[in-house]
């Protein structure tokens, strides 16, 4: 049975296999958490409404843009709502602050995966060293010491193999999530800069977002 082989291999790896097992489950939990977060973020996006909001801002129809940002889960439209709300003070700063908070959420618990990428192989190496030290204690005790030493070294390497396996398991998702964070940061920067240009264009045509913001805040 495969389960029996796994259990026997785990036991042969020594007591260090227990912290290695803990790192494995921790890695799975964090990877699952980040995967769910990104999938949820993707499901909240409403590209059609985003485009409508941009068009409304560009033409000076701030009321329509404001209505599109109301009661929406889309993070980009929420970002725009923050900018409109604080248009009297600093629309750009408000949008950047909101974007920073979203980026921080996207990076949550990434440090755990980064730590495990380094920690897991080190635990495996530690287990191997401990196992080899125990194997060499047989030297001089009997004629079969060489067989026991070689067998002990083979068992000790199980910990290193498991540690490296966990590091590989963490490395691929970690780089993927880091890339997603980078893309999200760039997308938010483009969104904010484009919105700022649209507001300036609307202002040149006589549409004042500040006055609209004053009216909305009074309401």
N, C-alpha and C. Protein backbone atom coordinates (compact mmCIF):
# COMPACT_ATOMS: atom_id res chain seq x y z
N UNK A 1 0.84 -1.21 0.00
CA UNK A 1 0.00 0.00 0.00
C UNK A 1 0.88 1.26 0.00
N UNK A 2 0.43 2.25 -0.78
CA UNK A 2 1.19 3.50 -0.87
C UNK A 2 1.25 4.21 0.47
N UNK A 3 0.13 4.15 1.21
CA UNK A 3 0.10 4.83 2.52
C UNK A 3 1.12 4.22 3.48
N UNK A 4 1.27 2.90 3.43
CA UNK A 4 2.25 2.24 4.30
C UNK A 4 3.67 2.65 3.94
N UNK A 5 3.94 2.75 2.63
CA UNK A 5 5.27 3.16 2.18
C UNK A 5 5.58 4.58 2.65
N UNK A 6 4.57 5.47 2.55
CA UNK A 6 4.76 6.86 2.98
C UNK A 6 5.05 6.92 4.48
N UNK A 7 4.28 6.17 5.26
CA UNK A 7 4.47 6.17 6.72
C UNK A 7 5.83 5.61 7.08
N UNK A 8 6.23 4.51 6.45
CA UNK A 8 7.54 3.91 6.74
C UNK A 8 8.67 4.87 6.38
N UNK A 9 8.54 5.53 5.22
CA UNK A 9 9.56 6.49 4.81
C UNK A 9 9.63 7.66 5.78
N UNK A 10 8.47 8.10 6.23
CA UNK A 10 8.41 9.20 7.20
C UNK A 10 9.13 8.83 8.49
N UNK A 11 8.88 7.64 8.97
CA UNK A 11 9.50 7.19 10.22
C UNK A 11 11.01 7.04 10.05
N UNK A 12 11.43 6.53 8.90
CA UNK A 12 12.86 6.34 8.65
C UNK A 12 13.60 7.67 8.59
N UNK A 13 12.90 8.74 8.25
CA UNK A 13 13.54 10.04 8.17
C UNK A 13 13.94 10.63 9.51
N UNK A 14 13.43 10.06 10.59
CA UNK A 14 13.81 10.55 11.92
C UNK A 14 12.85 11.61 12.45
N UNK A 15 13.17 12.09 13.64
CA UNK A 15 12.27 13.03 14.31
C UNK A 15 12.20 14.38 13.59
N UNK A 16 13.20 14.71 12.77
CA UNK A 16 13.19 15.98 12.05
C UNK A 16 12.05 16.03 11.03
N UNK A 17 11.52 14.85 10.67
CA UNK A 17 10.43 14.80 9.71
C UNK A 17 9.17 15.49 10.25
N UNK A 18 9.04 15.56 11.56
CA UNK A 18 7.84 16.21 12.13
C UNK A 18 7.82 17.71 11.86
N UNK A 19 8.90 18.45 12.13
CA UNK A 19 8.88 19.88 11.74
C UNK A 19 8.80 20.07 10.23
N UNK A 20 9.39 19.13 9.47
CA UNK A 20 9.28 19.22 8.01
C UNK A 20 7.83 19.03 7.58
N UNK A 21 7.13 18.11 8.23
CA UNK A 21 5.71 17.90 7.94
C UNK A 21 4.89 19.15 8.28
N UNK A 22 5.26 19.80 9.39
CA UNK A 22 4.55 21.04 9.78
C UNK A 22 4.75 22.13 8.72
N UNK A 23 5.98 22.24 8.21
CA UNK A 23 6.22 23.24 7.16
C UNK A 23 5.44 22.92 5.89
N UNK A 24 5.27 21.63 5.61
CA UNK A 24 4.51 21.21 4.43
C UNK A 24 3.06 21.65 4.53
N UNK A 25 2.43 21.38 5.67
CA UNK A 25 1.03 21.77 5.85
C UNK A 25 0.88 23.29 5.89
N UNK A 26 1.84 23.98 6.50
CA UNK A 26 1.79 25.44 6.52
C UNK A 26 1.89 26.00 5.11
N UNK A 27 2.77 25.42 4.31
CA UNK A 27 2.92 25.86 2.92
C UNK A 27 1.63 25.66 2.15
N UNK A 28 0.99 24.50 2.32
CA UNK A 28 -0.26 24.22 1.62
C UNK A 28 -1.35 25.22 2.02
N UNK A 29 -1.43 25.53 3.31
CA UNK A 29 -2.46 26.46 3.80
C UNK A 29 -2.26 27.85 3.19
N UNK A 30 -1.03 28.33 3.18
CA UNK A 30 -0.77 29.67 2.66
C UNK A 30 -1.00 29.72 1.15
N UNK A 31 -0.55 28.71 0.44
CA UNK A 31 -0.74 28.66 -1.01
C UNK A 31 -2.23 28.63 -1.34
N UNK A 32 -2.99 27.84 -0.59
CA UNK A 32 -4.44 27.78 -0.80
C UNK A 32 -5.10 29.12 -0.50
N UNK A 33 -4.67 29.76 0.58
CA UNK A 33 -5.21 31.07 0.95
C UNK A 33 -4.95 32.10 -0.14
N UNK A 34 -3.74 32.15 -0.66
CA UNK A 34 -3.40 33.13 -1.71
C UNK A 34 -4.14 32.82 -3.02
N UNK A 35 -4.29 31.54 -3.32
CA UNK A 35 -5.01 31.16 -4.54
C UNK A 35 -6.46 31.60 -4.47
N UNK A 36 -7.08 31.38 -3.33
CA UNK A 36 -8.48 31.80 -3.15
C UNK A 36 -8.60 33.32 -3.24
N UNK A 37 -7.63 34.04 -2.65
CA UNK A 37 -7.69 35.51 -2.69
C UNK A 37 -7.63 36.02 -4.12
N UNK A 38 -6.73 35.48 -4.93
CA UNK A 38 -6.58 35.94 -6.31
C UNK A 38 -7.78 35.56 -7.16
N UNK A 39 -8.33 34.38 -6.93
CA UNK A 39 -9.52 33.97 -7.67
C UNK A 39 -10.70 34.87 -7.32
N UNK A 40 -10.81 35.21 -6.04
CA UNK A 40 -11.90 36.10 -5.62
C UNK A 40 -11.73 37.49 -6.22
N UNK A 41 -10.50 37.99 -6.24
CA UNK A 41 -10.25 39.30 -6.83
C UNK A 41 -10.63 39.30 -8.31
N UNK A 42 -10.27 38.24 -9.01
CA UNK A 42 -10.60 38.15 -10.44
C UNK A 42 -12.11 38.14 -10.65
N UNK A 43 -12.84 37.49 -9.75
CA UNK A 43 -14.30 37.41 -9.89
C UNK A 43 -14.99 38.75 -9.61
N UNK A 44 -14.30 39.66 -8.90
CA UNK A 44 -14.89 40.95 -8.56
C UNK A 44 -14.76 41.99 -9.67
N UNK A 45 -13.86 41.74 -10.60
CA UNK A 45 -13.60 42.72 -11.65
C UNK A 45 -14.78 42.85 -12.61
N UNK A 46 -15.08 44.10 -12.98
CA UNK A 46 -16.18 44.40 -13.91
C UNK A 46 -15.64 45.33 -15.01
N UNK A 47 -14.96 44.75 -16.00
CA UNK A 47 -14.31 45.56 -17.04
C UNK A 47 -15.27 46.49 -17.77
N UNK A 48 -16.49 46.05 -18.02
CA UNK A 48 -17.46 46.88 -18.74
C UNK A 48 -17.77 48.15 -17.96
N UNK A 49 -18.01 48.02 -16.66
CA UNK A 49 -18.29 49.19 -15.83
C UNK A 49 -17.05 50.08 -15.70
N UNK A 50 -15.88 49.48 -15.67
CA UNK A 50 -14.66 50.28 -15.61
C UNK A 50 -14.55 51.18 -16.84
N UNK A 51 -14.82 50.61 -18.01
CA UNK A 51 -14.75 51.39 -19.24
C UNK A 51 -15.82 52.48 -19.27
N UNK A 52 -17.01 52.17 -18.79
CA UNK A 52 -18.07 53.17 -18.73
C UNK A 52 -17.69 54.32 -17.80
N UNK A 53 -17.07 53.97 -16.67
CA UNK A 53 -16.65 55.00 -15.71
C UNK A 53 -15.58 55.89 -16.32
N UNK A 54 -14.63 55.31 -17.04
CA UNK A 54 -13.59 56.10 -17.68
C UNK A 54 -14.19 57.06 -18.72
N UNK A 55 -15.10 56.54 -19.51
CA UNK A 55 -15.74 57.39 -20.53
C UNK A 55 -16.51 58.53 -19.87
N UNK A 56 -17.21 58.23 -18.77
CA UNK A 56 -17.98 59.26 -18.08
C UNK A 56 -17.06 60.33 -17.50
N UNK A 57 -15.94 59.93 -16.92
CA UNK A 57 -14.99 60.89 -16.36
C UNK A 57 -14.42 61.76 -17.48
N UNK A 58 -14.08 61.16 -18.59
CA UNK A 58 -13.49 61.90 -19.69
C UNK A 58 -14.42 62.94 -20.29
N UNK A 59 -15.73 62.66 -20.28
CA UNK A 59 -16.72 63.60 -20.84
C UNK A 59 -17.26 64.57 -19.79
N UNK A 60 -16.79 64.42 -18.55
CA UNK A 60 -17.25 65.32 -17.49
C UNK A 60 -18.56 64.89 -16.86
N UNK A 61 -19.03 63.70 -17.19
CA UNK A 61 -20.28 63.19 -16.61
C UNK A 61 -19.95 62.50 -15.28
N UNK A 62 -19.62 63.31 -14.29
CA UNK A 62 -19.17 62.76 -13.02
C UNK A 62 -20.29 62.04 -12.26
N UNK A 63 -21.53 62.45 -12.48
CA UNK A 63 -22.65 61.81 -11.80
C UNK A 63 -22.76 60.34 -12.22
N UNK A 64 -22.60 60.09 -13.53
CA UNK A 64 -22.65 58.72 -14.01
C UNK A 64 -21.49 57.90 -13.47
N UNK A 65 -20.30 58.49 -13.47
CA UNK A 65 -19.12 57.80 -12.94
C UNK A 65 -19.31 57.47 -11.47
N UNK A 66 -19.88 58.43 -10.74
CA UNK A 66 -20.11 58.22 -9.31
C UNK A 66 -21.10 57.09 -9.07
N UNK A 67 -22.18 57.05 -9.85
CA UNK A 67 -23.19 56.00 -9.71
C UNK A 67 -22.61 54.62 -10.03
N UNK A 68 -21.69 54.58 -10.97
CA UNK A 68 -21.07 53.30 -11.32
C UNK A 68 -20.17 52.78 -10.20
N UNK A 69 -19.68 53.66 -9.36
CA UNK A 69 -18.79 53.24 -8.27
C UNK A 69 -19.57 52.89 -7.00
N UNK A 70 -20.87 53.12 -7.01
CA UNK A 70 -21.69 52.84 -5.83
C UNK A 70 -22.08 51.38 -5.79
N UNK A 71 -21.97 50.77 -4.62
CA UNK A 71 -22.40 49.39 -4.39
C UNK A 71 -21.77 48.42 -5.41
N UNK A 72 -20.51 48.55 -5.65
CA UNK A 72 -19.80 47.64 -6.55
C UNK A 72 -18.64 46.99 -5.83
N UNK A 73 -18.39 45.70 -6.09
CA UNK A 73 -17.25 45.03 -5.45
C UNK A 73 -15.94 45.25 -6.21
N UNK A 74 -16.02 45.86 -7.41
CA UNK A 74 -14.83 46.04 -8.23
C UNK A 74 -13.82 46.94 -7.53
N UNK A 75 -12.59 46.47 -7.28
CA UNK A 75 -11.59 47.28 -6.55
C UNK A 75 -11.17 48.53 -7.32
N UNK A 76 -11.20 48.49 -8.64
CA UNK A 76 -10.83 49.66 -9.43
C UNK A 76 -11.89 50.75 -9.32
N UNK A 77 -13.14 50.36 -9.34
CA UNK A 77 -14.22 51.33 -9.19
C UNK A 77 -14.25 51.88 -7.76
N UNK A 78 -13.93 51.04 -6.79
CA UNK A 78 -13.82 51.54 -5.41
C UNK A 78 -12.69 52.55 -5.30
N UNK A 79 -11.62 52.28 -6.03
CA UNK A 79 -10.49 53.20 -6.06
C UNK A 79 -10.91 54.55 -6.63
N UNK A 80 -11.70 54.50 -7.70
CA UNK A 80 -12.21 55.73 -8.30
C UNK A 80 -13.14 56.47 -7.34
N UNK A 81 -13.95 55.73 -6.61
CA UNK A 81 -14.85 56.34 -5.63
C UNK A 81 -14.07 57.10 -4.56
N UNK A 82 -12.96 56.51 -4.12
CA UNK A 82 -12.10 57.20 -3.14
C UNK A 82 -11.57 58.50 -3.72
N UNK A 83 -11.18 58.47 -4.98
CA UNK A 83 -10.66 59.68 -5.62
C UNK A 83 -11.72 60.76 -5.74
N UNK A 84 -12.92 60.40 -6.16
CA UNK A 84 -13.99 61.38 -6.31
C UNK A 84 -14.37 61.97 -4.96
N UNK A 85 -14.44 61.11 -3.94
CA UNK A 85 -14.82 61.57 -2.60
C UNK A 85 -13.83 62.61 -2.07
N UNK A 86 -12.54 62.43 -2.37
CA UNK A 86 -11.51 63.34 -1.85
C UNK A 86 -10.97 64.28 -2.93
N UNK A 87 -11.81 64.56 -3.93
CA UNK A 87 -11.36 65.42 -5.04
C UNK A 87 -11.03 66.83 -4.57
N UNK A 88 -11.66 67.30 -3.52
CA UNK A 88 -11.40 68.66 -3.02
C UNK A 88 -10.01 68.78 -2.43
N UNK A 89 -9.52 67.72 -1.81
CA UNK A 89 -8.20 67.76 -1.18
C UNK A 89 -7.13 67.24 -2.14
N UNK A 90 -7.15 65.94 -2.41
CA UNK A 90 -6.20 65.38 -3.36
C UNK A 90 -6.75 64.05 -3.88
N UNK A 91 -7.29 64.10 -5.07
CA UNK A 91 -7.85 62.90 -5.67
C UNK A 91 -6.75 61.86 -5.91
N UNK A 92 -5.61 62.30 -6.40
CA UNK A 92 -4.51 61.40 -6.72
C UNK A 92 -3.99 60.70 -5.46
N UNK A 93 -3.81 61.46 -4.39
CA UNK A 93 -3.30 60.88 -3.14
C UNK A 93 -4.28 59.86 -2.57
N UNK A 94 -5.58 60.17 -2.65
CA UNK A 94 -6.59 59.25 -2.12
C UNK A 94 -6.60 57.94 -2.90
N UNK A 95 -6.48 58.03 -4.21
CA UNK A 95 -6.47 56.82 -5.03
C UNK A 95 -5.19 56.02 -4.80
N UNK A 96 -4.07 56.68 -4.64
CA UNK A 96 -2.82 55.99 -4.39
C UNK A 96 -2.84 55.29 -3.04
N UNK A 97 -3.41 55.93 -2.04
CA UNK A 97 -3.50 55.33 -0.71
C UNK A 97 -4.37 54.08 -0.75
N UNK A 98 -5.50 54.17 -1.44
CA UNK A 98 -6.38 53.01 -1.57
C UNK A 98 -5.68 51.88 -2.31
N UNK A 99 -4.94 52.23 -3.37
CA UNK A 99 -4.21 51.21 -4.14
C UNK A 99 -3.13 50.54 -3.30
N UNK A 100 -2.47 51.33 -2.45
CA UNK A 100 -1.43 50.77 -1.56
C UNK A 100 -2.03 49.73 -0.62
N UNK A 101 -3.20 50.02 -0.09
CA UNK A 101 -3.87 49.08 0.81
C UNK A 101 -4.22 47.78 0.09
N UNK A 102 -4.64 47.89 -1.16
CA UNK A 102 -4.97 46.69 -1.94
C UNK A 102 -3.71 45.88 -2.23
N UNK A 103 -2.62 46.55 -2.55
CA UNK A 103 -1.35 45.86 -2.81
C UNK A 103 -0.88 45.13 -1.55
N UNK A 104 -1.03 45.77 -0.41
CA UNK A 104 -0.63 45.13 0.85
C UNK A 104 -1.44 43.86 1.10
N UNK A 105 -2.73 43.90 0.77
CA UNK A 105 -3.56 42.70 0.93
C UNK A 105 -3.11 41.60 -0.03
N UNK A 106 -2.69 41.98 -1.23
CA UNK A 106 -2.26 40.98 -2.20
C UNK A 106 -0.94 40.33 -1.79
N UNK A 107 -0.16 41.03 -0.97
CA UNK A 107 1.13 40.51 -0.52
C UNK A 107 1.06 39.82 0.83
N UNK A 108 -0.14 39.74 1.40
CA UNK A 108 -0.30 39.17 2.73
C UNK A 108 0.20 37.72 2.77
N UNK A 109 0.94 37.39 3.82
CA UNK A 109 1.46 36.05 4.09
C UNK A 109 2.44 35.53 3.03
N UNK A 110 2.84 36.39 2.11
CA UNK A 110 3.85 35.97 1.15
C UNK A 110 5.19 35.72 1.84
N UNK A 111 5.43 36.43 2.95
CA UNK A 111 6.68 36.24 3.67
C UNK A 111 6.78 34.83 4.24
N UNK A 112 5.62 34.22 4.52
CA UNK A 112 5.63 32.85 5.04
C UNK A 112 6.18 31.89 3.99
N UNK A 113 5.69 32.02 2.75
CA UNK A 113 6.16 31.15 1.67
C UNK A 113 7.66 31.38 1.44
N UNK A 114 8.07 32.65 1.46
CA UNK A 114 9.47 32.97 1.25
C UNK A 114 10.35 32.33 2.33
N UNK A 115 9.87 32.36 3.56
CA UNK A 115 10.62 31.77 4.67
C UNK A 115 10.72 30.26 4.53
N UNK A 116 9.63 29.62 4.13
CA UNK A 116 9.61 28.16 4.01
C UNK A 116 10.53 27.68 2.89
N UNK A 117 10.68 28.50 1.84
CA UNK A 117 11.57 28.12 0.75
C UNK A 117 13.00 27.92 1.26
N UNK A 118 13.39 28.73 2.25
CA UNK A 118 14.73 28.60 2.84
C UNK A 118 14.75 27.62 3.99
N UNK A 119 13.69 27.64 4.81
CA UNK A 119 13.67 26.83 6.03
C UNK A 119 13.59 25.33 5.75
N UNK A 120 12.74 24.93 4.81
CA UNK A 120 12.51 23.50 4.58
C UNK A 120 13.80 22.76 4.19
N UNK A 121 14.59 23.25 3.21
CA UNK A 121 15.85 22.54 2.91
C UNK A 121 16.83 22.51 4.08
N UNK A 122 16.84 23.59 4.87
CA UNK A 122 17.73 23.61 6.02
C UNK A 122 17.32 22.57 7.05
N UNK A 123 16.02 22.41 7.26
CA UNK A 123 15.55 21.36 8.17
C UNK A 123 15.94 19.98 7.64
N UNK A 124 15.78 19.81 6.33
CA UNK A 124 16.16 18.53 5.73
C UNK A 124 17.64 18.25 5.88
N UNK A 125 18.46 19.27 5.67
CA UNK A 125 19.91 19.12 5.83
C UNK A 125 20.26 18.82 7.28
N UNK A 126 19.58 19.48 8.19
CA UNK A 126 19.82 19.23 9.62
C UNK A 126 19.48 17.78 9.96
N UNK A 127 18.36 17.29 9.43
CA UNK A 127 17.98 15.90 9.68
C UNK A 127 19.00 14.92 9.13
N UNK A 128 19.55 15.25 7.96
CA UNK A 128 20.57 14.38 7.36
C UNK A 128 21.83 14.34 8.20
N UNK A 129 22.25 15.51 8.67
CA UNK A 129 23.46 15.58 9.50
C UNK A 129 23.27 14.78 10.78
N UNK A 130 22.11 14.95 11.41
CA UNK A 130 21.83 14.21 12.64
C UNK A 130 21.81 12.71 12.38
N UNK A 131 21.20 12.32 11.26
CA UNK A 131 21.13 10.90 10.92
C UNK A 131 22.51 10.31 10.65
N UNK A 132 23.35 11.05 9.94
CA UNK A 132 24.70 10.56 9.64
C UNK A 132 25.52 10.45 10.92
N UNK A 133 25.35 11.42 11.82
CA UNK A 133 26.06 11.34 13.10
C UNK A 133 25.66 10.09 13.87
N UNK A 134 24.37 9.77 13.82
CA UNK A 134 23.91 8.56 14.50
C UNK A 134 24.43 7.30 13.83
N UNK A 135 24.54 7.31 12.50
CA UNK A 135 25.03 6.13 11.77
C UNK A 135 26.48 5.82 12.10
N UNK A 136 27.29 6.87 12.21
CA UNK A 136 28.71 6.64 12.48
C UNK A 136 28.97 6.16 13.91
N UNK A 137 27.95 6.20 14.73
CA UNK A 137 28.14 5.69 16.10
C UNK A 137 28.27 4.17 16.12
N UNK A 138 27.87 3.53 14.96
CA UNK A 138 28.00 2.07 14.89
C UNK A 138 29.43 1.62 14.58
N UNK A 139 30.25 2.53 14.11
CA UNK A 139 31.61 2.15 13.71
C UNK A 139 32.38 1.60 14.92
N UNK A 140 32.95 0.42 14.72
CA UNK A 140 33.75 -0.20 15.77
C UNK A 140 32.97 -1.13 16.66
N UNK A 141 31.62 -1.15 16.54
CA UNK A 141 30.82 -1.99 17.42
C UNK A 141 30.77 -3.44 16.93
N UNK A 142 30.72 -3.63 15.61
CA UNK A 142 30.58 -4.98 15.08
C UNK A 142 31.07 -5.01 13.64
N UNK A 143 31.08 -6.20 13.05
CA UNK A 143 31.59 -6.36 11.70
C UNK A 143 30.64 -5.78 10.66
N UNK A 144 29.37 -5.71 10.96
CA UNK A 144 28.38 -5.20 10.01
C UNK A 144 28.19 -3.69 10.14
N UNK A 145 29.16 -3.03 10.77
CA UNK A 145 29.02 -1.58 10.98
C UNK A 145 28.91 -0.83 9.65
N UNK A 146 29.69 -1.27 8.65
CA UNK A 146 29.67 -0.58 7.35
C UNK A 146 28.29 -0.62 6.73
N UNK A 147 27.62 -1.78 6.82
CA UNK A 147 26.27 -1.90 6.25
C UNK A 147 25.29 -1.00 6.99
N UNK A 148 25.42 -0.95 8.30
CA UNK A 148 24.52 -0.10 9.07
C UNK A 148 24.76 1.37 8.79
N UNK A 149 26.05 1.74 8.62
CA UNK A 149 26.38 3.14 8.34
C UNK A 149 25.80 3.57 7.00
N UNK A 150 26.00 2.73 5.97
CA UNK A 150 25.49 3.08 4.65
C UNK A 150 23.97 3.12 4.64
N UNK A 151 23.35 2.18 5.35
CA UNK A 151 21.89 2.18 5.44
C UNK A 151 21.38 3.40 6.19
N UNK A 152 22.09 3.77 7.24
CA UNK A 152 21.68 4.94 8.01
C UNK A 152 21.80 6.22 7.21
N UNK A 153 22.85 6.32 6.38
CA UNK A 153 23.02 7.50 5.54
C UNK A 153 21.88 7.61 4.53
N UNK A 154 21.51 6.45 3.96
CA UNK A 154 20.40 6.44 3.00
C UNK A 154 19.10 6.92 3.64
N UNK A 155 18.85 6.47 4.86
CA UNK A 155 17.65 6.90 5.57
C UNK A 155 17.71 8.39 5.93
N UNK A 156 18.92 8.84 6.28
CA UNK A 156 19.06 10.24 6.67
C UNK A 156 18.78 11.18 5.51
N UNK A 157 19.10 10.75 4.30
CA UNK A 157 18.88 11.60 3.12
C UNK A 157 17.40 11.82 2.81
N UNK A 158 16.53 11.02 3.43
CA UNK A 158 15.09 11.19 3.24
C UNK A 158 14.67 12.59 3.67
N UNK A 159 15.21 13.05 4.79
CA UNK A 159 14.86 14.37 5.31
C UNK A 159 15.25 15.47 4.32
N UNK A 160 16.45 15.36 3.76
CA UNK A 160 16.89 16.35 2.78
C UNK A 160 16.00 16.35 1.54
N UNK A 161 15.67 15.16 1.06
CA UNK A 161 14.81 15.05 -0.12
C UNK A 161 13.45 15.70 0.14
N UNK A 162 12.88 15.46 1.31
CA UNK A 162 11.58 16.03 1.64
C UNK A 162 11.68 17.56 1.78
N UNK A 163 12.76 18.03 2.40
CA UNK A 163 12.94 19.47 2.54
C UNK A 163 13.06 20.17 1.21
N UNK A 164 13.83 19.59 0.30
CA UNK A 164 13.98 20.17 -1.04
C UNK A 164 12.66 20.12 -1.79
N UNK A 165 11.91 19.03 -1.61
CA UNK A 165 10.61 18.91 -2.26
C UNK A 165 9.65 20.01 -1.83
N UNK A 166 9.64 20.32 -0.53
CA UNK A 166 8.78 21.38 -0.03
C UNK A 166 9.21 22.74 -0.58
N UNK A 167 10.53 22.95 -0.68
CA UNK A 167 11.03 24.21 -1.24
C UNK A 167 10.58 24.39 -2.68
N UNK A 168 10.62 23.31 -3.45
CA UNK A 168 10.16 23.37 -4.84
C UNK A 168 8.66 23.64 -4.88
N UNK A 169 7.92 22.98 -3.99
CA UNK A 169 6.48 23.19 -3.91
C UNK A 169 6.14 24.65 -3.63
N UNK A 170 6.96 25.31 -2.81
CA UNK A 170 6.71 26.71 -2.45
C UNK A 170 7.22 27.68 -3.51
N UNK A 171 8.33 27.33 -4.16
CA UNK A 171 8.99 28.26 -5.07
C UNK A 171 8.13 28.63 -6.27
N UNK A 172 7.52 27.65 -6.89
CA UNK A 172 6.72 27.92 -8.09
C UNK A 172 5.51 28.81 -7.80
N UNK A 173 4.68 28.49 -6.79
CA UNK A 173 3.57 29.40 -6.47
C UNK A 173 4.05 30.77 -6.01
N UNK A 174 5.17 30.81 -5.28
CA UNK A 174 5.67 32.09 -4.78
C UNK A 174 6.00 33.02 -5.94
N UNK A 175 6.73 32.51 -6.92
CA UNK A 175 7.06 33.35 -8.08
C UNK A 175 5.82 33.74 -8.87
N UNK A 176 4.86 32.83 -8.93
CA UNK A 176 3.61 33.15 -9.63
C UNK A 176 2.86 34.27 -8.92
N UNK A 177 2.76 34.18 -7.60
CA UNK A 177 2.05 35.21 -6.83
C UNK A 177 2.79 36.54 -6.89
N UNK A 178 4.12 36.49 -6.85
CA UNK A 178 4.89 37.73 -6.95
C UNK A 178 4.64 38.41 -8.30
N UNK A 179 4.54 37.61 -9.34
CA UNK A 179 4.25 38.16 -10.66
C UNK A 179 2.85 38.78 -10.69
N UNK A 180 1.91 38.13 -10.05
CA UNK A 180 0.54 38.67 -10.00
C UNK A 180 0.51 39.99 -9.25
N UNK A 181 1.27 40.08 -8.17
CA UNK A 181 1.34 41.34 -7.41
C UNK A 181 1.92 42.45 -8.27
N UNK A 182 2.98 42.11 -9.01
CA UNK A 182 3.61 43.10 -9.89
C UNK A 182 2.64 43.58 -10.96
N UNK A 183 1.88 42.66 -11.55
CA UNK A 183 0.90 43.04 -12.57
C UNK A 183 -0.21 43.89 -11.98
N UNK A 184 -0.66 43.55 -10.77
CA UNK A 184 -1.71 44.33 -10.11
C UNK A 184 -1.22 45.74 -9.81
N UNK A 185 0.01 45.86 -9.34
CA UNK A 185 0.58 47.18 -9.05
C UNK A 185 0.64 48.03 -10.31
N UNK A 186 1.12 47.45 -11.40
CA UNK A 186 1.19 48.18 -12.66
C UNK A 186 -0.18 48.56 -13.18
N UNK A 187 -1.13 47.66 -13.05
CA UNK A 187 -2.49 47.94 -13.52
C UNK A 187 -3.13 49.08 -12.74
N UNK A 188 -2.93 49.09 -11.42
CA UNK A 188 -3.47 50.17 -10.59
C UNK A 188 -2.82 51.50 -10.92
N UNK A 189 -1.52 51.48 -11.16
CA UNK A 189 -0.82 52.72 -11.52
C UNK A 189 -1.35 53.28 -12.84
N UNK A 190 -1.57 52.41 -13.81
CA UNK A 190 -2.13 52.87 -15.09
C UNK A 190 -3.54 53.41 -14.91
N UNK A 191 -4.32 52.73 -14.08
CA UNK A 191 -5.69 53.17 -13.82
C UNK A 191 -5.72 54.56 -13.20
N UNK A 192 -4.88 54.77 -12.21
CA UNK A 192 -4.84 56.06 -11.51
C UNK A 192 -4.35 57.17 -12.43
N UNK A 193 -3.26 56.89 -13.15
CA UNK A 193 -2.71 57.91 -14.05
C UNK A 193 -3.69 58.25 -15.18
N UNK A 194 -4.36 57.24 -15.71
CA UNK A 194 -5.34 57.48 -16.76
C UNK A 194 -6.50 58.31 -16.23
N UNK A 195 -6.96 57.99 -15.03
CA UNK A 195 -8.04 58.75 -14.42
C UNK A 195 -7.65 60.20 -14.22
N UNK A 196 -6.42 60.43 -13.77
CA UNK A 196 -5.95 61.80 -13.57
C UNK A 196 -5.94 62.57 -14.89
N UNK A 197 -5.51 61.93 -15.96
CA UNK A 197 -5.51 62.59 -17.27
C UNK A 197 -6.93 62.90 -17.74
N UNK A 198 -7.85 61.98 -17.50
CA UNK A 198 -9.24 62.19 -17.91
C UNK A 198 -9.87 63.34 -17.14
N UNK A 199 -9.56 63.44 -15.85
CA UNK A 199 -10.09 64.54 -15.04
C UNK A 199 -9.56 65.88 -15.53
N UNK A 200 -8.27 65.92 -15.86
CA UNK A 200 -7.68 67.15 -16.37
C UNK A 200 -8.30 67.53 -17.72
N UNK A 201 -8.56 66.52 -18.55
CA UNK A 201 -9.20 66.79 -19.84
C UNK A 201 -10.61 67.33 -19.65
N UNK A 202 -11.34 66.75 -18.70
CA UNK A 202 -12.69 67.23 -18.44
C UNK A 202 -12.67 68.65 -17.87
N UNK A 203 -11.67 68.95 -17.04
CA UNK A 203 -11.57 70.29 -16.46
C UNK A 203 -11.31 71.34 -17.55
N UNK A 204 -10.52 70.97 -18.53
CA UNK A 204 -10.25 71.91 -19.63
C UNK A 204 -11.50 72.22 -20.45
N UNK A 205 -12.48 71.31 -20.39
CA UNK A 205 -13.74 71.54 -21.11
C UNK A 205 -14.82 72.12 -20.20
N UNK A 206 -14.40 72.62 -19.05
CA UNK A 206 -15.33 73.31 -18.16
C UNK A 206 -16.04 72.45 -17.15
N UNK A 207 -15.61 71.21 -16.97
CA UNK A 207 -16.25 70.32 -16.00
C UNK A 207 -15.36 70.23 -14.77
N UNK A 208 -15.89 70.68 -13.65
CA UNK A 208 -15.09 70.77 -12.42
C UNK A 208 -15.47 69.64 -11.47
N UNK A 209 -14.56 68.69 -11.27
CA UNK A 209 -14.83 67.56 -10.37
C UNK A 209 -14.90 68.01 -8.93
N UNK A 210 -14.16 69.05 -8.57
CA UNK A 210 -14.16 69.52 -7.18
C UNK A 210 -15.56 69.99 -6.77
N UNK A 211 -16.21 70.72 -7.62
CA UNK A 211 -17.57 71.19 -7.31
C UNK A 211 -18.54 70.02 -7.17
N UNK A 212 -18.37 69.02 -8.03
CA UNK A 212 -19.22 67.82 -7.94
C UNK A 212 -18.99 67.11 -6.62
N UNK A 213 -17.73 67.03 -6.19
CA UNK A 213 -17.39 66.36 -4.94
C UNK A 213 -18.01 67.10 -3.75
N UNK A 214 -18.00 68.43 -3.81
CA UNK A 214 -18.61 69.22 -2.75
C UNK A 214 -20.10 68.91 -2.64
N UNK A 215 -20.76 68.81 -3.78
CA UNK A 215 -22.18 68.52 -3.80
C UNK A 215 -22.47 67.14 -3.22
N UNK A 216 -21.65 66.16 -3.61
CA UNK A 216 -21.86 64.81 -3.13
C UNK A 216 -21.60 64.69 -1.63
N UNK A 217 -20.59 65.40 -1.15
CA UNK A 217 -20.28 65.34 0.29
C UNK A 217 -21.40 65.99 1.11
N UNK A 218 -22.02 67.01 0.56
CA UNK A 218 -23.14 67.63 1.27
C UNK A 218 -24.36 66.70 1.34
N UNK A 219 -24.52 65.93 0.24
CA UNK A 219 -25.64 65.00 0.19
C UNK A 219 -25.40 63.80 1.09
